[in-house]
Amino acid sequence: MVERKIELRRRRSRAHKMSKLKAKLVKAKDKDRDAILGKIHRISPWWKEPAK
């Protein structure tokens, strides 16, 4: 049960961090975009930026 709680907490914190990074990505300039995309891909390598 402890392992399950740890994994759920880790998953929730990842989701929270991803939502913050996605919000920053919308507002970011070119130089900052690359850094933010790097952080997003570190958390979720399969994530693709939605087409505009």
PDB file of N, CA and C in Angstrom:
ATOM      1  N   MET A   1       0.814  -1.196   0.000  1.00  0.00           N
ATOM      2  CA  MET A   1       0.000   0.000   0.000  1.00  0.00           C
ATOM      3  C   MET A   1       0.859   1.262   0.000  1.00  0.00           C
ATOM      4  N   VAL A   2       1.978   1.199   0.681  1.00  0.00           N
ATOM      5  CA  VAL A   2       2.871   2.357   0.747  1.00  0.00           C
ATOM      6  C   VAL A   2       3.417   2.691  -0.641  1.00  0.00           C
ATOM      7  N   GLU A   3       3.809   1.651  -1.370  1.00  0.00           N
ATOM      8  CA  GLU A   3       4.340   1.874  -2.717  1.00  0.00           C
ATOM      9  C   GLU A   3       3.301   2.525  -3.620  1.00  0.00           C
ATOM     10  N   ARG A   4       2.075   2.113  -3.464  1.00  0.00           N
ATOM     11  CA  ARG A   4       0.977   2.677  -4.267  1.00  0.00           C
ATOM     12  C   ARG A   4       0.807   4.167  -3.969  1.00  0.00           C
ATOM     13  N   LYS A   5       0.836   4.525  -2.698  1.00  0.00           N
ATOM     14  CA  LYS A   5       0.696   5.934  -2.323  1.00  0.00           C
ATOM     15  C   LYS A   5       1.855   6.765  -2.866  1.00  0.00           C
ATOM     16  N   ILE A   6       3.051   6.205  -2.792  1.00  0.00           N
ATOM     17  CA  ILE A   6       4.221   6.925  -3.308  1.00  0.00           C
ATOM     18  C   ILE A   6       4.081   7.162  -4.808  1.00  0.00           C
ATOM     19  N   GLU A   7       3.670   6.120  -5.521  1.00  0.00           N
ATOM     20  CA  GLU A   7       3.502   6.252  -6.971  1.00  0.00           C
ATOM     21  C   GLU A   7       2.398   7.246  -7.319  1.00  0.00           C
ATOM     22  N   LEU A   8       1.297   7.226  -6.605  1.00  0.00           N
ATOM     23  CA  LEU A   8       0.210   8.176  -6.865  1.00  0.00           C
ATOM     24  C   LEU A   8       0.650   9.607  -6.602  1.00  0.00           C
ATOM     25  N   ARG A   9       1.386   9.806  -5.521  1.00  0.00           N
ATOM     26  CA  ARG A   9       1.888  11.152  -5.206  1.00  0.00           C
ATOM     27  C   ARG A   9       2.849  11.623  -6.294  1.00  0.00           C
ATOM     28  N   ARG A  10       3.711  10.724  -6.753  1.00  0.00           N
ATOM     29  CA  ARG A  10       4.654  11.057  -7.822  1.00  0.00           C
ATOM     30  C   ARG A  10       3.903  11.409  -9.111  1.00  0.00           C
ATOM     31  N   ARG A  11       2.869  10.648  -9.418  1.00  0.00           N
ATOM     32  CA  ARG A  11       2.081  10.887 -10.628  1.00  0.00           C
ATOM     33  C   ARG A  11       1.345  12.222 -10.565  1.00  0.00           C
ATOM     34  N   ARG A  12       0.769  12.518  -9.394  1.00  0.00           N
ATOM     35  CA  ARG A  12       0.052  13.796  -9.230  1.00  0.00           C
ATOM     36  C   ARG A  12       0.994  14.978  -9.333  1.00  0.00           C
ATOM     37  N   SER A  13       2.178  14.862  -8.746  1.00  0.00           N
ATOM     38  CA  SER A  13       3.122  15.973  -8.805  1.00  0.00           C
ATOM     39  C   SER A  13       3.614  16.170 -10.232  1.00  0.00           C
ATOM     40  N   ARG A  14       3.792  15.071 -10.977  1.00  0.00           N
ATOM     41  CA  ARG A  14       4.170  15.180 -12.391  1.00  0.00           C
ATOM     42  C   ARG A  14       3.094  15.897 -13.183  1.00  0.00           C
ATOM     43  N   ALA A  15       1.848  15.547 -12.956  1.00  0.00           N
ATOM     44  CA  ALA A  15       0.736  16.177 -13.679  1.00  0.00           C
ATOM     45  C   ALA A  15       0.650  17.659 -13.342  1.00  0.00           C
ATOM     46  N   HIS A  16       0.856  17.988 -12.078  1.00  0.00           N
ATOM     47  CA  HIS A  16       0.818  19.394 -11.656  1.00  0.00           C
ATOM     48  C   HIS A  16       1.964  20.177 -12.311  1.00  0.00           C
ATOM     49  N   LYS A  17       3.147  19.579 -12.335  1.00  0.00           N
ATOM     50  CA  LYS A  17       4.302  20.231 -12.940  1.00  0.00           C
ATOM     51  C   LYS A  17       4.107  20.408 -14.449  1.00  0.00           C
ATOM     52  N   MET A  18       3.521  19.401 -15.095  1.00  0.00           N
ATOM     53  CA  MET A  18       3.274  19.501 -16.534  1.00  0.00           C
ATOM     54  C   MET A  18       2.300  20.631 -16.842  1.00  0.00           C
ATOM     55  N   SER A  19       1.265  20.790 -16.040  1.00  0.00           N
ATOM     56  CA  SER A  19       0.308  21.858 -16.303  1.00  0.00           C
ATOM     57  C   SER A  19       0.971  23.222 -16.144  1.00  0.00           C
ATOM     58  N   LYS A  20       1.854  23.366 -15.150  1.00  0.00           N
ATOM     59  CA  LYS A  20       2.581  24.621 -14.974  1.00  0.00           C
ATOM     60  C   LYS A  20       3.518  24.886 -16.152  1.00  0.00           C
ATOM     61  N   LEU A  21       4.217  23.841 -16.605  1.00  0.00           N
ATOM     62  CA  LEU A  21       5.145  24.019 -17.719  1.00  0.00           C
ATOM     63  C   LEU A  21       4.405  24.339 -19.017  1.00  0.00           C
ATOM     64  N   LYS A  22       3.263  23.719 -19.233  1.00  0.00           N
ATOM     65  CA  LYS A  22       2.475  24.010 -20.437  1.00  0.00           C
ATOM     66  C   LYS A  22       1.980  25.445 -20.429  1.00  0.00           C
ATOM     67  N   ALA A  23       1.597  25.955 -19.260  1.00  0.00           N
ATOM     68  CA  ALA A  23       1.161  27.345 -19.153  1.00  0.00           C
ATOM     69  C   ALA A  23       2.321  28.288 -19.449  1.00  0.00           C
ATOM     70  N   LYS A  24       3.517  27.955 -18.957  1.00  0.00           N
ATOM     71  CA  LYS A  24       4.696  28.773 -19.236  1.00  0.00           C
ATOM     72  C   LYS A  24       5.056  28.720 -20.715  1.00  0.00           C
ATOM     73  N   LEU A  25       4.870  27.563 -21.340  1.00  0.00           N
ATOM     74  CA  LEU A  25       5.220  27.394 -22.746  1.00  0.00           C
ATOM     75  C   LEU A  25       4.385  28.303 -23.636  1.00  0.00           C
ATOM     76  N   VAL A  26       3.141  28.511 -23.292  1.00  0.00           N
ATOM     77  CA  VAL A  26       2.260  29.369 -24.078  1.00  0.00           C
ATOM     78  C   VAL A  26       2.778  30.807 -24.089  1.00  0.00           C
ATOM     79  N   LYS A  27       3.315  31.261 -22.952  1.00  0.00           N
ATOM     80  CA  LYS A  27       3.761  32.644 -22.812  1.00  0.00           C
ATOM     81  C   LYS A  27       5.224  32.855 -23.206  1.00  0.00           C
ATOM     82  N   ALA A  28       5.976  31.777 -23.423  1.00  0.00           N
ATOM     83  CA  ALA A  28       7.426  31.867 -23.564  1.00  0.00           C
ATOM     84  C   ALA A  28       7.868  32.411 -24.914  1.00  0.00           C
ATOM     85  N   LYS A  29       9.041  33.033 -24.900  1.00  0.00           N
ATOM     86  CA  LYS A  29       9.708  33.480 -26.120  1.00  0.00           C
ATOM     87  C   LYS A  29      10.567  32.337 -26.643  1.00  0.00           C
ATOM     88  N   ASP A  30      11.221  32.547 -27.793  1.00  0.00           N
ATOM     89  CA  ASP A  30      11.981  31.476 -28.452  1.00  0.00           C
ATOM     90  C   ASP A  30      13.063  30.855 -27.568  1.00  0.00           C
ATOM     91  N   LYS A  31      13.880  31.691 -26.924  1.00  0.00           N
ATOM     92  CA  LYS A  31      14.982  31.168 -26.108  1.00  0.00           C
ATOM     93  C   LYS A  31      14.454  30.348 -24.938  1.00  0.00           C
ATOM     94  N   ASP A  32      13.435  30.845 -24.288  1.00  0.00           N
ATOM     95  CA  ASP A  32      12.871  30.147 -23.133  1.00  0.00           C
ATOM     96  C   ASP A  32      12.093  28.903 -23.540  1.00  0.00           C
ATOM     97  N   ARG A  33      11.527  28.905 -24.731  1.00  0.00           N
ATOM     98  CA  ARG A  33      10.748  27.755 -25.217  1.00  0.00           C
ATOM     99  C   ARG A  33      11.580  26.483 -25.235  1.00  0.00           C
ATOM    100  N   ASP A  34      12.822  26.595 -25.704  1.00  0.00           N
ATOM    101  CA  ASP A  34      13.673  25.409 -25.791  1.00  0.00           C
ATOM    102  C   ASP A  34      13.935  24.814 -24.414  1.00  0.00           C
ATOM    103  N   ALA A  35      14.171  25.669 -23.429  1.00  0.00           N
ATOM    104  CA  ALA A  35      14.419  25.181 -22.076  1.00  0.00           C
ATOM    105  C   ALA A  35      13.167  24.519 -21.507  1.00  0.00           C
ATOM    106  N   ILE A  36      12.026  25.133 -21.725  1.00  0.00           N
ATOM    107  CA  ILE A  36      10.768  24.577 -21.206  1.00  0.00           C
ATOM    108  C   ILE A  36      10.435  23.266 -21.899  1.00  0.00           C
ATOM    109  N   LEU A  37      10.633  23.213 -23.212  1.00  0.00           N
ATOM    110  CA  LEU A  37      10.384  21.958 -23.940  1.00  0.00           C
ATOM    111  C   LEU A  37      11.310  20.851 -23.464  1.00  0.00           C
ATOM    112  N   GLY A  38      12.543  21.197 -23.138  1.00  0.00           N
ATOM    113  CA  GLY A  38      13.474  20.207 -22.592  1.00  0.00           C
ATOM    114  C   GLY A  38      12.982  19.636 -21.277  1.00  0.00           C
ATOM    115  N   LYS A  39      12.450  20.507 -20.419  1.00  0.00           N
ATOM    116  CA  LYS A  39      11.923  20.052 -19.131  1.00  0.00           C
ATOM    117  C   LYS A  39      10.688  19.177 -19.320  1.00  0.00           C
ATOM    118  N   ILE A  40       9.831  19.570 -20.267  1.00  0.00           N
ATOM    119  CA  ILE A  40       8.629  18.767 -20.536  1.00  0.00           C
ATOM    120  C   ILE A  40       9.016  17.391 -21.051  1.00  0.00           C
ATOM    121  N   HIS A  41       9.989  17.342 -21.961  1.00  0.00           N
ATOM    122  CA  HIS A  41      10.391  16.054 -22.525  1.00  0.00           C
ATOM    123  C   HIS A  41      11.127  15.186 -21.513  1.00  0.00           C
ATOM    124  N   ARG A  42      11.736  15.793 -20.511  1.00  0.00           N
ATOM    125  CA  ARG A  42      12.368  15.008 -19.446  1.00  0.00           C
ATOM    126  C   ARG A  42      11.305  14.292 -18.622  1.00  0.00           C
ATOM    127  N   ILE A  43      10.170  14.958 -18.416  1.00  0.00           N
ATOM    128  CA  ILE A  43       9.077  14.364 -17.647  1.00  0.00           C
ATOM    129  C   ILE A  43       8.289  13.385 -18.509  1.00  0.00           C
ATOM    130  N   SER A  44       8.009  13.795 -19.751  1.00  0.00           N
ATOM    131  CA  SER A  44       7.146  13.010 -20.626  1.00  0.00           C
ATOM    132  C   SER A  44       7.722  13.016 -22.046  1.00  0.00           C
ATOM    133  N   PRO A  45       8.589  12.064 -22.378  1.00  0.00           N
ATOM    134  CA  PRO A  45       9.290  12.073 -23.669  1.00  0.00           C
ATOM    135  C   PRO A  45       8.376  11.948 -24.886  1.00  0.00           C
ATOM    136  N   TRP A  46       7.219  11.375 -24.740  1.00  0.00           N
ATOM    137  CA  TRP A  46       6.325  11.160 -25.879  1.00  0.00           C
ATOM    138  C   TRP A  46       5.396  12.337 -26.124  1.00  0.00           C
ATOM    139  N   TRP A  47       5.437  13.379 -25.297  1.00  0.00           N
ATOM    140  CA  TRP A  47       4.540  14.524 -25.431  1.00  0.00           C
ATOM    141  C   TRP A  47       4.877  15.312 -26.679  1.00  0.00           C
ATOM    142  N   LYS A  48       3.865  15.666 -27.440  1.00  0.00           N
ATOM    143  CA  LYS A  48       4.020  16.486 -28.643  1.00  0.00           C
ATOM    144  C   LYS A  48       3.275  17.792 -28.438  1.00  0.00           C
ATOM    145  N   GLU A  49       3.866  18.888 -28.912  1.00  0.00           N
ATOM    146  CA  GLU A  49       3.210  20.189 -28.809  1.00  0.00           C
ATOM    147  C   GLU A  49       2.013  20.201 -29.737  1.00  0.00           C
ATOM    148  N   PRO A  50       0.852  20.629 -29.268  1.00  0.00           N
ATOM    149  CA  PRO A  50      -0.332  20.642 -30.130  1.00  0.00           C
ATOM    150  C   PRO A  50      -0.165  21.625 -31.283  1.00  0.00           C
ATOM    151  N   ALA A  51      -0.721  21.257 -32.424  1.00  0.00           N
ATOM    152  CA  ALA A  51      -0.659  22.136 -33.610  1.00  0.00           C
ATOM    153  C   ALA A  51      -1.536  23.356 -33.385  1.00  0.00           C
ATOM    154  N   LYS A  52      -1.073  24.484 -33.896  1.00  0.00           N
ATOM    155  CA  LYS A  52      -1.835  25.723 -33.689  1.00  0.00           C
ATOM    156  C   LYS A  52      -2.840  25.945 -34.760  1.00  0.00           C
TER     157      LYS A  52
END
